[in-house]
Amino acid sequence: MPSRRKRATIREVAQATGLSPAAVSYALRGIQTSEETQERVRAAAQELGYEAHPIARALASGRTGMVGLLCGSLGDYWQQSLAVGIGRELLARDRYALIVDAGNDPDRERVLARQLRDQRVDGLIVQPLDPSAELWAELAETIPVVSIGDALRGDHSQGEVVFDNRRGVTLALEHLHALGHRRVAVFSPTLASTPDRPADVHVNAEAERLGLTVDLIVAPQSLPEATEVAIRVLAGRDRPSAVFCFSDSIAYGVYAATRELGLAVPGDVAVCGYDSHPMSALLTPPLTTVDWDIDGIVAAAVRLIVEVIDGTPRHRRVVREPALRVRASTGRGAPDR
């Protein structure tokens, strides 16, 4: 039976590179050394088969290499894509994502956030259900927090990738208004316990400016529940001529409802989404939606959290600008309906 190869040590890597063990440790962690030194050390470590023991590395650095990712609801397809992207981007930076799902429950969000802190993650990326919760101030005192979507009230994050929701809402509602729609149902995942989210507030302001009649309706992001809500709204004779959804996942529920009710999109009801999931272009008809560039969001969020963890923060706030992807799901509505 062949003998197992002895694990290479950091001292052997130091001897091979002519550096001290401390310098090798710094280079492998990407700190306090030049890029040339870091590349030389990594090459030597790979040649020798050196792998830092995760427990020893955590004890030496005070870090676990884990970044918590707290998702508002993984029932939402866009958030699933976001989680996959962040996990991959962190892995490319030699870190690992610990992904948890709040399931659209603010109470569960608070419990999971504290559990991630207690598990000693190096930092936390969150897409908050309740940006105004006092919890974020508590967490920010002990670990770096980067928010995606909404800023945390009271300036309690070390970084934020926020959406220009005012512009996104304006693009969608102006588009529907220009097509002749005057009564629009707006489906939002916002709960009664977390009111006054920026996007929802902008809907009312833009509707008043454009002269639209808007019904703001809570709709979960899971397909069965979104479908149920959409059936209830669209089944009556007094249905809106257009539906604007704050999630493409919710829009998929509207599509399912129209099929069940025998309604045509966009002939009987126009549909607009809000996050440009890749599947949205494959629907029949393809879904008009607001695109926030998910790859850019992933890159910005990971860069911010890594910079804060490494003690080199530069750009604390990144604002994502939207683009409207006009497709066949929106059409001319019946006036005054």
C-alpha atoms as a PDB file:
ATOM      1  CA  MET A   1       0.000   0.000   0.000  1.00  0.00           C
ATOM      2  CA  PRO A   2       1.585   3.320  -1.030  1.00  0.00           C
ATOM      3  CA  SER A   3       2.447   5.663   1.832  1.00  0.00           C
ATOM      4  CA  ARG A   4       0.563   8.940   2.073  1.00  0.00           C
ATOM      5  CA  ARG A   5       2.544  11.984   1.039  1.00  0.00           C
ATOM      6  CA  LYS A   6       3.470  14.148   4.000  1.00  0.00           C
ATOM      7  CA  ARG A   7       1.675  17.488   4.062  1.00  0.00           C
ATOM      8  CA  ALA A   8       3.996  20.327   3.009  1.00  0.00           C
ATOM      9  CA  THR A   9       4.580  22.969   5.659  1.00  0.00           C
ATOM     10  CA  ILE A  10       4.718  26.732   5.483  1.00  0.00           C
ATOM     11  CA  ARG A  11       8.414  26.532   6.440  1.00  0.00           C
ATOM     12  CA  GLU A  12       9.120  24.498   3.309  1.00  0.00           C
ATOM     13  CA  VAL A  13       7.384  27.131   1.179  1.00  0.00           C
ATOM     14  CA  ALA A  14       9.469  29.782   2.972  1.00  0.00           C
ATOM     15  CA  GLN A  15      12.700  27.910   2.227  1.00  0.00           C
ATOM     16  CA  ALA A  16      11.730  27.494  -1.443  1.00  0.00           C
ATOM     17  CA  THR A  17      11.028  31.216  -1.851  1.00  0.00           C
ATOM     18  CA  GLY A  18      13.711  32.653   0.416  1.00  0.00           C
ATOM     19  CA  LEU A  19      11.129  34.370   2.571  1.00  0.00           C
ATOM     20  CA  SER A  20      10.195  34.142   6.214  1.00  0.00           C
ATOM     21  CA  PRO A  21       7.195  32.010   7.231  1.00  0.00           C
ATOM     22  CA  ALA A  22       5.401  35.220   8.249  1.00  0.00           C
ATOM     23  CA  ALA A  23       5.966  36.762   4.803  1.00  0.00           C
ATOM     24  CA  VAL A  24       4.693  33.582   3.150  1.00  0.00           C
ATOM     25  CA  SER A  25       1.582  33.720   5.321  1.00  0.00           C
ATOM     26  CA  TYR A  26       0.976  37.345   4.340  1.00  0.00           C
ATOM     27  CA  ALA A  27       1.494  36.567   0.651  1.00  0.00           C
ATOM     28  CA  LEU A  28      -0.924  33.638   0.696  1.00  0.00           C
ATOM     29  CA  ARG A  29      -3.534  35.886   2.311  1.00  0.00           C
ATOM     30  CA  GLY A  30      -2.866  38.651  -0.245  1.00  0.00           C
ATOM     31  CA  ILE A  31      -1.814  41.290   2.291  1.00  0.00           C
ATOM     32  CA  GLN A  32       1.290  43.384   3.114  1.00  0.00           C
ATOM     33  CA  THR A  33       3.235  41.986   0.118  1.00  0.00           C
ATOM     34  CA  SER A  34       3.602  42.866  -3.553  1.00  0.00           C
ATOM     35  CA  GLU A  35       1.605  41.114  -6.268  1.00  0.00           C
ATOM     36  CA  GLU A  36       4.867  39.671  -7.646  1.00  0.00           C
ATOM     37  CA  THR A  37       5.678  38.140  -4.251  1.00  0.00           C
ATOM     38  CA  GLN A  38       2.165  36.792  -3.886  1.00  0.00           C
ATOM     39  CA  GLU A  39       2.347  35.114  -7.305  1.00  0.00           C
ATOM     40  CA  ARG A  40       5.781  33.618  -6.518  1.00  0.00           C
ATOM     41  CA  VAL A  41       4.605  32.235  -3.199  1.00  0.00           C
ATOM     42  CA  ARG A  42       1.418  30.772  -4.657  1.00  0.00           C
ATOM     43  CA  ALA A  43       3.416  29.067  -7.405  1.00  0.00           C
ATOM     44  CA  ALA A  44       5.805  27.536  -4.864  1.00  0.00           C
ATOM     45  CA  ALA A  45       2.951  26.445  -2.638  1.00  0.00           C
ATOM     46  CA  GLN A  46       1.209  24.763  -5.565  1.00  0.00           C
ATOM     47  CA  GLU A  47       4.412  23.004  -6.647  1.00  0.00           C
ATOM     48  CA  LEU A  48       5.028  21.706  -3.122  1.00  0.00           C
ATOM     49  CA  GLY A  49       1.391  20.782  -2.601  1.00  0.00           C
ATOM     50  CA  TYR A  50       1.049  23.135   0.360  1.00  0.00           C
ATOM     51  CA  GLU A  51      -2.472  23.799   1.640  1.00  0.00           C
ATOM     52  CA  ALA A  52      -3.142  26.014   4.621  1.00  0.00           C
ATOM     53  CA  HIS A  53      -5.033  24.125   7.305  1.00  0.00           C
ATOM     54  CA  PRO A  54      -8.375  25.948   7.632  1.00  0.00           C
ATOM     55  CA  ILE A  55      -8.483  25.806  11.440  1.00  0.00           C
ATOM     56  CA  ALA A  56      -4.870  26.938  11.799  1.00  0.00           C
ATOM     57  CA  ARG A  57      -5.443  29.717   9.279  1.00  0.00           C
ATOM     58  CA  ALA A  58      -8.532  30.889  11.147  1.00  0.00           C
ATOM     59  CA  LEU A  59      -6.669  30.885  14.478  1.00  0.00           C
ATOM     60  CA  ALA A  60      -3.728  32.775  12.998  1.00  0.00           C
ATOM     61  CA  SER A  61      -5.731  35.371  11.118  1.00  0.00           C
ATOM     62  CA  GLY A  62      -8.838  35.627  13.261  1.00  0.00           C
ATOM     63  CA  ARG A  63     -10.847  34.893  10.110  1.00  0.00           C
ATOM     64  CA  THR A  64     -12.850  31.907   8.926  1.00  0.00           C
ATOM     65  CA  GLY A  65     -12.853  32.639   5.190  1.00  0.00           C
ATOM     66  CA  MET A  66     -16.660  32.471   5.315  1.00  0.00           C
ATOM     67  CA  VAL A  67     -18.978  35.277   4.223  1.00  0.00           C
ATOM     68  CA  GLY A  68     -22.640  35.056   5.176  1.00  0.00           C
ATOM     69  CA  LEU A  69     -25.203  35.719   2.450  1.00  0.00           C
ATOM     70  CA  LEU A  70     -28.659  36.389   3.864  1.00  0.00           C
ATOM     71  CA  CYS A  71     -31.275  36.274   1.094  1.00  0.00           C
ATOM     72  CA  GLY A  72     -34.708  37.808   1.539  1.00  0.00           C
ATOM     73  CA  SER A  73     -36.413  34.948  -0.308  1.00  0.00           C
ATOM     74  CA  LEU A  74     -34.863  32.191  -2.376  1.00  0.00           C
ATOM     75  CA  GLY A  75     -38.334  31.534  -3.714  1.00  0.00           C
ATOM     76  CA  ASP A  76     -37.457  34.423  -6.044  1.00  0.00           C
ATOM     77  CA  TYR A  77     -35.583  33.242  -9.139  1.00  0.00           C
ATOM     78  CA  TRP A  78     -33.523  36.441  -9.397  1.00  0.00           C
ATOM     79  CA  GLN A  79     -32.292  36.051  -5.831  1.00  0.00           C
ATOM     80  CA  GLN A  80     -31.330  32.465  -6.631  1.00  0.00           C
ATOM     81  CA  SER A  81     -29.191  33.757  -9.497  1.00  0.00           C
ATOM     82  CA  LEU A  82     -27.736  36.427  -7.224  1.00  0.00           C
ATOM     83  CA  ALA A  83     -26.763  33.824  -4.615  1.00  0.00           C
ATOM     84  CA  VAL A  84     -25.095  31.608  -7.228  1.00  0.00           C
ATOM     85  CA  GLY A  85     -23.166  34.568  -8.622  1.00  0.00           C
ATOM     86  CA  ILE A  86     -21.973  35.798  -5.220  1.00  0.00           C
ATOM     87  CA  GLY A  87     -20.929  32.284  -4.208  1.00  0.00           C
ATOM     88  CA  ARG A  88     -18.821  31.922  -7.345  1.00  0.00           C
ATOM     89  CA  GLU A  89     -17.300  35.390  -7.041  1.00  0.00           C
ATOM     90  CA  LEU A  90     -16.324  34.787  -3.412  1.00  0.00           C
ATOM     91  CA  LEU A  91     -14.803  31.423  -4.318  1.00  0.00           C
ATOM     92  CA  ALA A  92     -12.671  33.149  -6.958  1.00  0.00           C
ATOM     93  CA  ARG A  93     -11.311  35.285  -4.110  1.00  0.00           C
ATOM     94  CA  ASP A  94     -10.568  32.227  -1.927  1.00  0.00           C
ATOM     95  CA  ARG A  95     -13.602  32.780   0.268  1.00  0.00           C
ATOM     96  CA  TYR A  96     -16.769  30.793   0.749  1.00  0.00           C
ATOM     97  CA  ALA A  97     -20.427  31.779   0.963  1.00  0.00           C
ATOM     98  CA  LEU A  98     -22.666  30.542   3.743  1.00  0.00           C
ATOM     99  CA  ILE A  99     -26.081  31.061   2.131  1.00  0.00           C
ATOM    100  CA  VAL A 100     -29.279  31.235   4.193  1.00  0.00           C
ATOM    101  CA  ASP A 101     -32.862  32.052   3.241  1.00  0.00           C
ATOM    102  CA  ALA A 102     -35.147  34.326   5.274  1.00  0.00           C
ATOM    103  CA  GLY A 103     -38.145  33.016   3.336  1.00  0.00           C
ATOM    104  CA  ASN A 104     -39.694  36.515   3.161  1.00  0.00           C
ATOM    105  CA  ASP A 105     -40.078  36.489   6.956  1.00  0.00           C
ATOM    106  CA  PRO A 106     -38.551  39.515   8.801  1.00  0.00           C
ATOM    107  CA  ASP A 107     -38.509  37.618  12.115  1.00  0.00           C
ATOM    108  CA  ARG A 108     -36.632  34.754  10.505  1.00  0.00           C
ATOM    109  CA  GLU A 109     -34.280  37.274   8.915  1.00  0.00           C
ATOM    110  CA  ARG A 110     -33.338  38.615  12.356  1.00  0.00           C
ATOM    111  CA  VAL A 111     -32.735  35.120  13.774  1.00  0.00           C
ATOM    112  CA  LEU A 112     -30.581  34.032  10.834  1.00  0.00           C
ATOM    113  CA  ALA A 113     -28.535  37.249  10.836  1.00  0.00           C
ATOM    114  CA  ARG A 114     -27.605  36.736  14.494  1.00  0.00           C
ATOM    115  CA  GLN A 115     -26.801  33.060  13.852  1.00  0.00           C
ATOM    116  CA  LEU A 116     -24.424  34.008  11.052  1.00  0.00           C
ATOM    117  CA  ARG A 117     -22.682  36.478  13.356  1.00  0.00           C
ATOM    118  CA  ASP A 118     -22.410  33.846  16.080  1.00  0.00           C
ATOM    119  CA  GLN A 119     -20.875  31.419  13.569  1.00  0.00           C
ATOM    120  CA  ARG A 120     -18.094  33.986  13.166  1.00  0.00           C
ATOM    121  CA  VAL A 121     -18.462  34.750   9.487  1.00  0.00           C
ATOM    122  CA  ASP A 122     -15.950  37.363   8.363  1.00  0.00           C
ATOM    123  CA  GLY A 123     -18.688  39.551   6.906  1.00  0.00           C
ATOM    124  CA  LEU A 124     -22.335  39.597   5.899  1.00  0.00           C
ATOM    125  CA  ILE A 125     -23.997  40.424   2.565  1.00  0.00           C
ATOM    126  CA  VAL A 126     -27.727  40.970   2.968  1.00  0.00           C
ATOM    127  CA  GLN A 127     -30.680  41.773   0.740  1.00  0.00           C
ATOM    128  CA  PRO A 128     -32.832  43.084   3.594  1.00  0.00           C
ATOM    129  CA  LEU A 129     -36.530  42.506   3.983  1.00  0.00           C
ATOM    130  CA  ASP A 130     -36.645  45.242   6.610  1.00  0.00           C
ATOM    131  CA  PRO A 131     -33.925  47.864   5.996  1.00  0.00           C
ATOM    132  CA  SER A 132     -35.151  49.897   8.988  1.00  0.00           C
ATOM    133  CA  ALA A 133     -34.705  47.123  11.585  1.00  0.00           C
ATOM    134  CA  GLU A 134     -32.584  47.968  14.643  1.00  0.00           C
ATOM    135  CA  LEU A 135     -30.830  44.646  14.091  1.00  0.00           C
ATOM    136  CA  TRP A 136     -28.450  46.099  11.494  1.00  0.00           C
ATOM    137  CA  ALA A 137     -26.948  48.607  13.921  1.00  0.00           C
ATOM    138  CA  GLU A 138     -26.350  45.761  16.376  1.00  0.00           C
ATOM    139  CA  LEU A 139     -24.626  43.578  13.764  1.00  0.00           C
ATOM    140  CA  ALA A 140     -22.531  46.374  12.276  1.00  0.00           C
ATOM    141  CA  GLU A 141     -20.815  46.825  15.642  1.00  0.00           C
ATOM    142  CA  THR A 142     -19.258  43.349  15.384  1.00  0.00           C
ATOM    143  CA  ILE A 143     -19.010  42.343  11.689  1.00  0.00           C
ATOM    144  CA  PRO A 144     -18.834  44.102   8.309  1.00  0.00           C
ATOM    145  CA  VAL A 145     -22.249  44.344   6.630  1.00  0.00           C
ATOM    146  CA  VAL A 146     -22.908  45.107   2.958  1.00  0.00           C
ATOM    147  CA  SER A 147     -26.511  45.566   1.807  1.00  0.00           C
ATOM    148  CA  ILE A 148     -27.932  44.971  -1.663  1.00  0.00           C
ATOM    149  CA  GLY A 149     -31.024  46.721  -2.976  1.00  0.00           C
ATOM    150  CA  ASP A 150     -31.944  49.076  -0.135  1.00  0.00           C
ATOM    151  CA  ALA A 151     -29.677  51.084   2.143  1.00  0.00           C
ATOM    152  CA  LEU A 152     -29.912  50.206   5.818  1.00  0.00           C
ATOM    153  CA  ARG A 153     -31.565  53.001   7.763  1.00  0.00           C
ATOM    154  CA  GLY A 154     -29.267  54.980  10.027  1.00  0.00           C
ATOM    155  CA  ASP A 155     -26.152  54.399   7.889  1.00  0.00           C
ATOM    156  CA  HIS A 156     -25.448  51.068   9.574  1.00  0.00           C
ATOM    157  CA  SER A 157     -23.671  49.219   6.761  1.00  0.00           C
ATOM    158  CA  GLN A 158     -20.004  49.323   5.823  1.00  0.00           C
ATOM    159  CA  GLY A 159     -20.986  49.168   2.160  1.00  0.00           C
ATOM    160  CA  GLU A 160     -24.111  49.173   0.007  1.00  0.00           C
ATOM    161  CA  VAL A 161     -25.098  48.357  -3.557  1.00  0.00           C
ATOM    162  CA  VAL A 162     -28.348  50.255  -3.921  1.00  0.00           C
ATOM    163  CA  PHE A 163     -30.797  50.449  -6.805  1.00  0.00           C
ATOM    164  CA  ASP A 164     -32.020  53.739  -8.253  1.00  0.00           C
ATOM    165  CA  ASN A 165     -35.593  52.607  -7.632  1.00  0.00           C
ATOM    166  CA  ARG A 166     -37.008  56.014  -8.463  1.00  0.00           C
ATOM    167  CA  ARG A 167     -35.584  55.730 -11.970  1.00  0.00           C
ATOM    168  CA  GLY A 168     -36.626  52.076 -12.314  1.00  0.00           C
ATOM    169  CA  VAL A 169     -40.220  52.800 -11.329  1.00  0.00           C
ATOM    170  CA  THR A 170     -40.316  55.836 -13.606  1.00  0.00           C
ATOM    171  CA  LEU A 171     -39.101  53.823 -16.602  1.00  0.00           C
ATOM    172  CA  ALA A 172     -41.758  51.141 -16.107  1.00  0.00           C
ATOM    173  CA  LEU A 173     -44.714  53.425 -15.405  1.00  0.00           C
ATOM    174  CA  GLU A 174     -43.849  55.946 -18.138  1.00  0.00           C
ATOM    175  CA  HIS A 175     -43.630  53.048 -20.595  1.00  0.00           C
ATOM    176  CA  LEU A 176     -47.086  51.769 -19.625  1.00  0.00           C
ATOM    177  CA  HIS A 177     -48.529  55.293 -19.635  1.00  0.00           C
ATOM    178  CA  ALA A 178     -47.142  55.965 -23.124  1.00  0.00           C
ATOM    179  CA  LEU A 179     -48.893  52.817 -24.369  1.00  0.00           C
ATOM    180  CA  GLY A 180     -52.249  54.124 -23.170  1.00  0.00           C
ATOM    181  CA  HIS A 181     -52.611  52.300 -19.845  1.00  0.00           C
ATOM    182  CA  ARG A 182     -54.281  54.337 -17.116  1.00  0.00           C
ATOM    183  CA  ARG A 183     -55.095  51.738 -14.465  1.00  0.00           C
ATOM    184  CA  VAL A 184     -52.176  49.620 -13.283  1.00  0.00           C
ATOM    185  CA  ALA A 185     -51.962  46.966 -10.592  1.00  0.00           C
ATOM    186  CA  VAL A 186     -48.556  46.961  -8.898  1.00  0.00           C
ATOM    187  CA  PHE A 187     -47.549  43.653  -7.300  1.00  0.00           C
ATOM    188  CA  SER A 188     -44.938  44.037  -4.559  1.00  0.00           C
ATOM    189  CA  PRO A 189     -43.444  41.475  -2.149  1.00  0.00           C
ATOM    190  CA  THR A 190     -43.318  44.162   0.550  1.00  0.00           C
ATOM    191  CA  LEU A 191     -45.101  43.006   3.701  1.00  0.00           C
ATOM    192  CA  ALA A 192     -47.439  45.035   5.898  1.00  0.00           C
ATOM    193  CA  SER A 193     -44.804  44.746   8.647  1.00  0.00           C
ATOM    194  CA  THR A 194     -42.162  46.461   6.471  1.00  0.00           C
ATOM    195  CA  PRO A 195     -43.967  49.380   4.797  1.00  0.00           C
ATOM    196  CA  ASP A 196     -42.515  52.425   3.069  1.00  0.00           C
ATOM    197  CA  ARG A 197     -39.868  50.601   1.036  1.00  0.00           C
ATOM    198  CA  PRO A 198     -38.358  53.149  -1.396  1.00  0.00           C
ATOM    199  CA  ALA A 199     -39.662  51.463  -4.554  1.00  0.00           C
ATOM    200  CA  ASP A 200     -43.220  51.349  -3.204  1.00  0.00           C
ATOM    201  CA  VAL A 201     -43.094  55.000  -2.184  1.00  0.00           C
ATOM    202  CA  HIS A 202     -41.913  55.975  -5.675  1.00  0.00           C
ATOM    203  CA  VAL A 203     -44.865  54.155  -7.256  1.00  0.00           C
ATOM    204  CA  ASN A 204     -47.368  56.434  -5.563  1.00  0.00           C
ATOM    205  CA  ALA A 205     -45.396  59.563  -6.421  1.00  0.00           C
ATOM    206  CA  GLU A 206     -44.983  58.604 -10.092  1.00  0.00           C
ATOM    207  CA  ALA A 207     -48.608  57.504 -10.425  1.00  0.00           C
ATOM    208  CA  GLU A 208     -49.764  60.892  -9.199  1.00  0.00           C
ATOM    209  CA  ARG A 209     -47.410  62.683 -11.590  1.00  0.00           C
ATOM    210  CA  LEU A 210     -48.565  60.631 -14.585  1.00  0.00           C
ATOM    211  CA  GLY A 211     -52.246  60.594 -13.692  1.00  0.00           C
ATOM    212  CA  LEU A 212     -52.382  56.814 -13.253  1.00  0.00           C
ATOM    213  CA  THR A 213     -54.741  54.910 -11.002  1.00  0.00           C
ATOM    214  CA  VAL A 214     -52.560  52.424  -9.158  1.00  0.00           C
ATOM    215  CA  ASP A 215     -53.517  49.543  -6.865  1.00  0.00           C
ATOM    216  CA  LEU A 216     -50.558  48.426  -4.743  1.00  0.00           C
ATOM    217  CA  ILE A 217     -51.003  44.734  -3.921  1.00  0.00           C
ATOM    218  CA  VAL A 218     -48.841  42.414  -1.806  1.00  0.00           C
ATOM    219  CA  ALA A 219     -47.816  39.349  -3.819  1.00  0.00           C
ATOM    220  CA  PRO A 220     -45.379  36.655  -2.645  1.00  0.00           C
ATOM    221  CA  GLN A 221     -42.502  35.696  -4.926  1.00  0.00           C
ATOM    222  CA  SER A 222     -43.216  31.977  -5.016  1.00  0.00           C
ATOM    223  CA  LEU A 223     -44.991  30.901  -8.210  1.00  0.00           C
ATOM    224  CA  PRO A 224     -48.091  29.249  -6.663  1.00  0.00           C
ATOM    225  CA  GLU A 225     -48.785  32.141  -4.292  1.00  0.00           C
ATOM    226  CA  ALA A 226     -48.123  34.828  -6.912  1.00  0.00           C
ATOM    227  CA  THR A 227     -50.466  32.996  -9.283  1.00  0.00           C
ATOM    228  CA  GLU A 228     -53.196  32.885  -6.643  1.00  0.00           C
ATOM    229  CA  VAL A 229     -52.964  36.629  -6.021  1.00  0.00           C
ATOM    230  CA  ALA A 230     -52.966  37.395  -9.751  1.00  0.00           C
ATOM    231  CA  ILE A 231     -56.059  35.247 -10.355  1.00  0.00           C
ATOM    232  CA  ARG A 232     -57.894  37.126  -7.637  1.00  0.00           C
ATOM    233  CA  VAL A 233     -56.976  40.517  -9.161  1.00  0.00           C
ATOM    234  CA  LEU A 234     -57.581  39.628 -12.804  1.00  0.00           C
ATOM    235  CA  ALA A 235     -60.714  37.490 -12.496  1.00  0.00           C
ATOM    236  CA  GLY A 236     -63.171  40.385 -12.218  1.00  0.00           C
ATOM    237  CA  ARG A 237     -64.559  42.564 -14.992  1.00  0.00           C
ATOM    238  CA  ASP A 238     -62.965  45.629 -13.423  1.00  0.00           C
ATOM    239  CA  ARG A 239     -59.443  44.284 -13.881  1.00  0.00           C
ATOM    240  CA  PRO A 240     -56.509  46.637 -14.584  1.00  0.00           C
ATOM    241  CA  SER A 241     -55.195  46.889 -18.142  1.00  0.00           C
ATOM    242  CA  ALA A 242     -51.596  46.405 -16.966  1.00  0.00           C
ATOM    243  CA  VAL A 243     -49.690  44.749 -14.123  1.00  0.00           C
ATOM    244  CA  PHE A 244     -46.276  45.989 -12.974  1.00  0.00           C
ATOM    245  CA  CYS A 245     -44.427  43.447 -10.806  1.00  0.00           C
ATOM    246  CA  PHE A 246     -41.508  44.225  -8.491  1.00  0.00           C
ATOM    247  CA  SER A 247     -40.032  40.836  -9.337  1.00  0.00           C
ATOM    248  CA  ASP A 248     -39.948  38.811 -12.532  1.00  0.00           C
ATOM    249  CA  SER A 249     -40.850  35.794 -10.376  1.00  0.00           C
ATOM    250  CA  ILE A 250     -44.137  37.491  -9.489  1.00  0.00           C
ATOM    251  CA  ALA A 251     -44.683  38.274 -13.180  1.00  0.00           C
ATOM    252  CA  TYR A 252     -44.400  34.554 -13.925  1.00  0.00           C
ATOM    253  CA  GLY A 253     -47.344  34.070 -11.575  1.00  0.00           C
ATOM    254  CA  VAL A 254     -49.291  36.680 -13.546  1.00  0.00           C
ATOM    255  CA  TYR A 255     -48.575  34.753 -16.758  1.00  0.00           C
ATOM    256  CA  ALA A 256     -49.844  31.556 -15.129  1.00  0.00           C
ATOM    257  CA  ALA A 257     -52.997  33.354 -13.971  1.00  0.00           C
ATOM    258  CA  THR A 258     -53.746  34.738 -17.432  1.00  0.00           C
ATOM    259  CA  ARG A 259     -53.521  31.258 -18.906  1.00  0.00           C
ATOM    260  CA  GLU A 260     -55.851  29.864 -16.287  1.00  0.00           C
ATOM    261  CA  LEU A 261     -58.326  32.707 -16.860  1.00  0.00           C
ATOM    262  CA  GLY A 262     -58.082  32.583 -20.660  1.00  0.00           C
ATOM    263  CA  LEU A 263     -56.635  36.101 -20.913  1.00  0.00           C
ATOM    264  CA  ALA A 264     -54.124  37.185 -23.548  1.00  0.00           C
ATOM    265  CA  VAL A 265     -50.841  38.974 -22.820  1.00  0.00           C
ATOM    266  CA  PRO A 266     -50.684  41.801 -23.821  1.00  0.00           C
ATOM    267  CA  GLY A 267     -54.106  41.930 -25.516  1.00  0.00           C
ATOM    268  CA  ASP A 268     -56.157  41.658 -22.314  1.00  0.00           C
ATOM    269  CA  VAL A 269     -53.503  42.631 -19.797  1.00  0.00           C
ATOM    270  CA  ALA A 270     -49.959  43.968 -20.237  1.00  0.00           C
ATOM    271  CA  VAL A 271     -47.241  42.691 -17.872  1.00  0.00           C
ATOM    272  CA  CYS A 272     -43.958  44.320 -16.824  1.00  0.00           C
ATOM    273  CA  GLY A 273     -41.301  42.856 -14.515  1.00  0.00           C
ATOM    274  CA  TYR A 274     -38.452  44.401 -12.560  1.00  0.00           C
ATOM    275  CA  ASP A 275     -35.247  42.374 -12.441  1.00  0.00           C
ATOM    276  CA  SER A 276     -34.613  40.883 -15.899  1.00  0.00           C
ATOM    277  CA  HIS A 277     -34.119  37.224 -15.003  1.00  0.00           C
ATOM    278  CA  PRO A 278     -32.674  35.323 -18.019  1.00  0.00           C
ATOM    279  CA  MET A 279     -35.835  33.189 -18.280  1.00  0.00           C
ATOM    280  CA  SER A 280     -37.929  36.306 -18.874  1.00  0.00           C
ATOM    281  CA  ALA A 281     -36.725  36.595 -22.466  1.00  0.00           C
ATOM    282  CA  LEU A 282     -37.842  33.000 -23.114  1.00  0.00           C
ATOM    283  CA  LEU A 283     -41.483  33.426 -22.097  1.00  0.00           C
ATOM    284  CA  THR A 284     -44.347  33.600 -24.599  1.00  0.00           C
ATOM    285  CA  PRO A 285     -44.580  36.500 -25.093  1.00  0.00           C
ATOM    286  CA  PRO A 286     -41.144  37.653 -23.813  1.00  0.00           C
ATOM    287  CA  LEU A 287     -41.432  39.789 -20.674  1.00  0.00           C
ATOM    288  CA  THR A 288     -40.755  43.518 -20.630  1.00  0.00           C
ATOM    289  CA  THR A 289     -38.656  44.137 -17.529  1.00  0.00           C
ATOM    290  CA  VAL A 290     -36.272  46.493 -15.750  1.00  0.00           C
ATOM    291  CA  ASP A 291     -32.654  45.300 -15.916  1.00  0.00           C
ATOM    292  CA  TRP A 292     -30.246  46.037 -13.033  1.00  0.00           C
ATOM    293  CA  ASP A 293     -27.215  44.144 -14.432  1.00  0.00           C
ATOM    294  CA  ILE A 294     -26.935  41.264 -11.977  1.00  0.00           C
ATOM    295  CA  ASP A 295     -23.294  40.580 -12.882  1.00  0.00           C
ATOM    296  CA  GLY A 296     -22.400  44.150 -11.946  1.00  0.00           C
ATOM    297  CA  ILE A 297     -24.300  43.823  -8.663  1.00  0.00           C
ATOM    298  CA  VAL A 298     -22.455  40.611  -7.793  1.00  0.00           C
ATOM    299  CA  ALA A 299     -19.041  42.096  -8.581  1.00  0.00           C
ATOM    300  CA  ALA A 300     -19.721  45.289  -6.621  1.00  0.00           C
ATOM    301  CA  ALA A 301     -21.106  43.530  -3.515  1.00  0.00           C
ATOM    302  CA  VAL A 302     -18.232  41.061  -3.303  1.00  0.00           C
ATOM    303  CA  ARG A 303     -15.638  43.758  -3.888  1.00  0.00           C
ATOM    304  CA  LEU A 304     -17.118  45.896  -1.113  1.00  0.00           C
ATOM    305  CA  ILE A 305     -17.298  43.109   1.472  1.00  0.00           C
ATOM    306  CA  VAL A 306     -13.777  41.836   0.686  1.00  0.00           C
ATOM    307  CA  GLU A 307     -12.327  45.339   0.909  1.00  0.00           C
ATOM    308  CA  VAL A 308     -13.950  45.903   4.311  1.00  0.00           C
ATOM    309  CA  ILE A 309     -12.827  42.498   5.619  1.00  0.00           C
ATOM    310  CA  ASP A 310      -9.263  43.169   4.435  1.00  0.00           C
ATOM    311  CA  GLY A 311      -9.288  46.662   5.927  1.00  0.00           C
ATOM    312  CA  THR A 312      -8.957  48.447   2.574  1.00  0.00           C
ATOM    313  CA  PRO A 313     -12.394  50.006   1.942  1.00  0.00           C
ATOM    314  CA  ARG A 314     -12.537  52.519  -0.901  1.00  0.00           C
ATOM    315  CA  HIS A 315     -15.981  52.935  -2.468  1.00  0.00           C
ATOM    316  CA  ARG A 316     -18.599  52.576   0.238  1.00  0.00           C
ATOM    317  CA  ARG A 317     -21.712  53.169  -1.881  1.00  0.00           C
ATOM    318  CA  VAL A 318     -22.459  51.854  -5.372  1.00  0.00           C
ATOM    319  CA  VAL A 319     -25.652  52.957  -7.132  1.00  0.00           C
ATOM    320  CA  ARG A 320     -26.991  50.694  -9.865  1.00  0.00           C
ATOM    321  CA  GLU A 321     -28.787  52.425 -12.744  1.00  0.00           C
ATOM    322  CA  PRO A 322     -31.649  50.551 -14.477  1.00  0.00           C
ATOM    323  CA  ALA A 323     -32.383  49.909 -18.137  1.00  0.00           C
ATOM    324  CA  LEU A 324     -35.818  49.022 -19.503  1.00  0.00           C
ATOM    325  CA  ARG A 325     -35.855  45.906 -21.694  1.00  0.00           C
ATOM    326  CA  VAL A 326     -38.954  46.391 -23.839  1.00  0.00           C
ATOM    327  CA  ARG A 327     -40.420  43.142 -25.133  1.00  0.00           C
ATOM    328  CA  ALA A 328     -43.773  41.875 -26.365  1.00  0.00           C
ATOM    329  CA  SER A 329     -45.563  41.535 -22.990  1.00  0.00           C
ATOM    330  CA  THR A 330     -46.601  45.202 -22.932  1.00  0.00           C
ATOM    331  CA  GLY A 331     -49.097  46.709 -25.346  1.00  0.00           C
ATOM    332  CA  ARG A 332     -51.650  49.450 -25.814  1.00  0.00           C
ATOM    333  CA  GLY A 333     -54.218  49.483 -23.054  1.00  0.00           C
ATOM    334  CA  ALA A 334     -57.860  50.469 -23.055  1.00  0.00           C
ATOM    335  CA  PRO A 335     -58.204  54.136 -21.999  1.00  0.00           C
ATOM    336  CA  ASP A 336     -59.615  54.841 -18.524  1.00  0.00           C
ATOM    337  CA  ARG A 337     -59.777  51.181 -17.620  1.00  0.00           C
END
